Amino acid sequence: QVQLVESGGGLVQPGGSLRLSCAASGTICNIYVMGWYRQAPGKQRELVASITSVGSTNYADSVKGRFTISRDNAKNTVYLQMNSLKPEDTAVYYCNYYCNGRGYWGQGTHVTVSS
């Protein structure tokens, strides 16, 4: 089992920045993919960014150039630095940890971009 604890969400004005964190604990894998997904009201959950255990990253087109995903293997933590935030980035952001054919989800953290 893997437990995920997210933090860093909140209210920010358009153009502002936030940094999300996701700490994993439990049965940690050597080979994994960690990612951030988001779900806006009335919309499906979508992938925002992901990073593998060897550091390969992937981003949704809508966030390329604005968001950066990174990891600290020593702390089993993944981060999502979000810059130049837009109102359309408003959503609940979920951390996902995938290894050995199983995926685990965090509880979600709210991000609201509004003036």
Protein backbone atom coordinates (compact mmCIF):
# COMPACT_ATOMS: atom_id res chain seq x y z
CA GLN A 1 0.00 0.00 0.00
CA VAL A 2 1.05 3.56 -0.72
CA GLN A 3 -0.31 6.62 1.02
CA LEU A 4 -0.18 10.05 -0.57
CA VAL A 5 -0.48 13.36 1.22
CA GLU A 6 -0.91 16.49 -0.86
CA SER A 7 -0.46 20.09 0.17
CA GLY A 8 -0.03 23.55 -1.29
CA GLY A 9 -3.38 24.37 -2.82
CA GLY A 10 -5.23 27.62 -2.25
CA LEU A 11 -6.57 30.81 -3.76
CA VAL A 12 -4.36 32.82 -6.07
CA GLN A 13 -4.89 35.70 -8.47
CA PRO A 14 -4.46 35.25 -12.21
CA GLY A 15 -0.80 35.39 -13.10
CA GLY A 16 0.22 34.14 -9.69
CA SER A 17 2.07 31.01 -8.62
CA LEU A 18 1.51 28.03 -6.38
CA ARG A 19 3.58 24.99 -5.51
CA LEU A 20 1.90 21.68 -4.81
CA SER A 21 3.60 18.87 -2.91
CA CYS A 22 2.79 15.18 -2.72
CA ALA A 23 4.56 12.97 -0.21
CA ALA A 24 4.40 9.21 -0.64
CA SER A 25 4.79 6.69 2.16
CA GLY A 26 4.33 2.98 2.64
CA THR A 27 5.53 0.38 0.15
CA ILE A 28 7.58 2.59 -2.17
CA CYS A 29 8.67 1.18 -5.52
CA ASN A 30 12.05 1.68 -7.18
CA ILE A 31 10.32 2.06 -10.55
CA TYR A 32 7.27 4.28 -10.56
CA VAL A 33 5.40 7.08 -12.24
CA MET A 34 4.06 9.96 -10.19
CA GLY A 35 1.70 12.45 -11.65
CA TRP A 36 -0.65 15.32 -11.02
CA TYR A 37 -4.17 15.21 -12.35
CA ARG A 38 -6.91 17.78 -12.04
CA GLN A 39 -10.67 17.80 -12.19
CA ALA A 40 -12.68 20.95 -12.72
CA PRO A 41 -16.40 21.08 -11.89
CA GLY A 42 -18.40 19.26 -14.54
CA LYS A 43 -15.30 17.99 -16.32
CA GLN A 44 -13.39 14.75 -16.46
CA ARG A 45 -10.17 14.25 -14.56
CA GLU A 46 -7.19 15.01 -16.77
CA LEU A 47 -3.46 14.51 -16.59
CA VAL A 48 -1.52 17.67 -15.88
CA ALA A 49 2.03 16.38 -15.60
CA SER A 50 3.91 13.22 -14.73
CA ILE A 51 7.44 12.18 -13.85
CA THR A 52 9.06 8.77 -13.79
CA SER A 53 11.54 7.36 -11.32
CA VAL A 54 14.33 8.16 -13.79
CA GLY A 55 13.17 11.73 -14.26
CA SER A 56 11.32 11.64 -17.56
CA THR A 57 8.54 14.19 -17.62
CA ASN A 58 5.33 14.68 -19.54
CA TYR A 59 3.00 17.69 -19.61
CA ALA A 60 -0.44 18.49 -20.89
CA ASP A 61 -0.31 21.01 -23.73
CA SER A 62 -2.36 23.46 -21.70
CA VAL A 63 0.33 23.78 -19.01
CA LYS A 64 3.55 23.48 -21.01
CA GLY A 65 5.86 26.39 -20.28
CA ARG A 66 3.93 27.34 -17.13
CA PHE A 67 4.05 24.27 -14.88
CA THR A 68 7.09 22.25 -13.81
CA ILE A 69 7.02 18.84 -12.17
CA SER A 70 9.97 17.68 -10.11
CA ARG A 71 10.78 15.05 -7.52
CA ASP A 72 12.91 14.46 -4.48
CA ASN A 73 13.58 10.74 -4.31
CA ALA A 74 15.13 10.98 -0.85
CA LYS A 75 11.86 12.41 0.46
CA ASN A 76 9.56 10.36 -1.82
CA THR A 77 7.98 13.65 -2.76
CA VAL A 78 6.86 15.14 -6.05
CA TYR A 79 6.24 18.82 -6.61
CA LEU A 80 4.24 20.81 -9.13
CA GLN A 81 5.37 24.39 -9.56
CA MET A 82 2.56 26.33 -11.21
CA ASN A 83 3.33 29.75 -12.64
CA SER A 84 1.30 32.20 -14.70
CA LEU A 85 -1.88 30.66 -13.37
CA LYS A 86 -5.11 31.21 -15.27
CA PRO A 87 -8.74 30.98 -14.14
CA GLU A 88 -9.08 27.84 -16.25
CA ASP A 89 -6.48 26.16 -14.02
CA THR A 90 -9.06 26.16 -11.23
CA ALA A 91 -9.68 22.57 -10.19
CA VAL A 92 -9.07 19.94 -7.57
CA TYR A 93 -5.56 18.62 -8.11
CA TYR A 94 -4.86 14.98 -7.33
CA CYS A 95 -1.55 13.23 -6.92
CA ASN A 96 -1.18 9.77 -8.41
CA TYR A 97 1.45 7.13 -7.73
CA TYR A 98 1.70 4.17 -10.10
CA CYS A 99 3.88 1.10 -9.63
CA ASN A 100 3.66 -2.67 -9.97
CA GLY A 101 0.44 -2.36 -11.93
CA ARG A 102 -1.41 -0.40 -9.28
CA GLY A 103 -2.32 3.23 -9.00
CA TYR A 104 -2.87 5.19 -5.80
CA TRP A 105 -4.56 8.54 -5.38
CA GLY A 106 -4.22 11.35 -2.91
CA GLN A 107 -7.18 13.09 -1.35
CA GLY A 108 -6.93 16.13 -3.62
CA THR A 109 -6.10 19.76 -3.01
CA HIS A 110 -8.14 22.70 -4.25
CA VAL A 111 -6.61 25.34 -6.50
CA THR A 112 -8.69 28.42 -7.25
CA VAL A 113 -7.45 31.10 -9.61
CA SER A 114 -9.59 34.19 -9.30
CA SER A 115 -9.34 37.92 -8.87
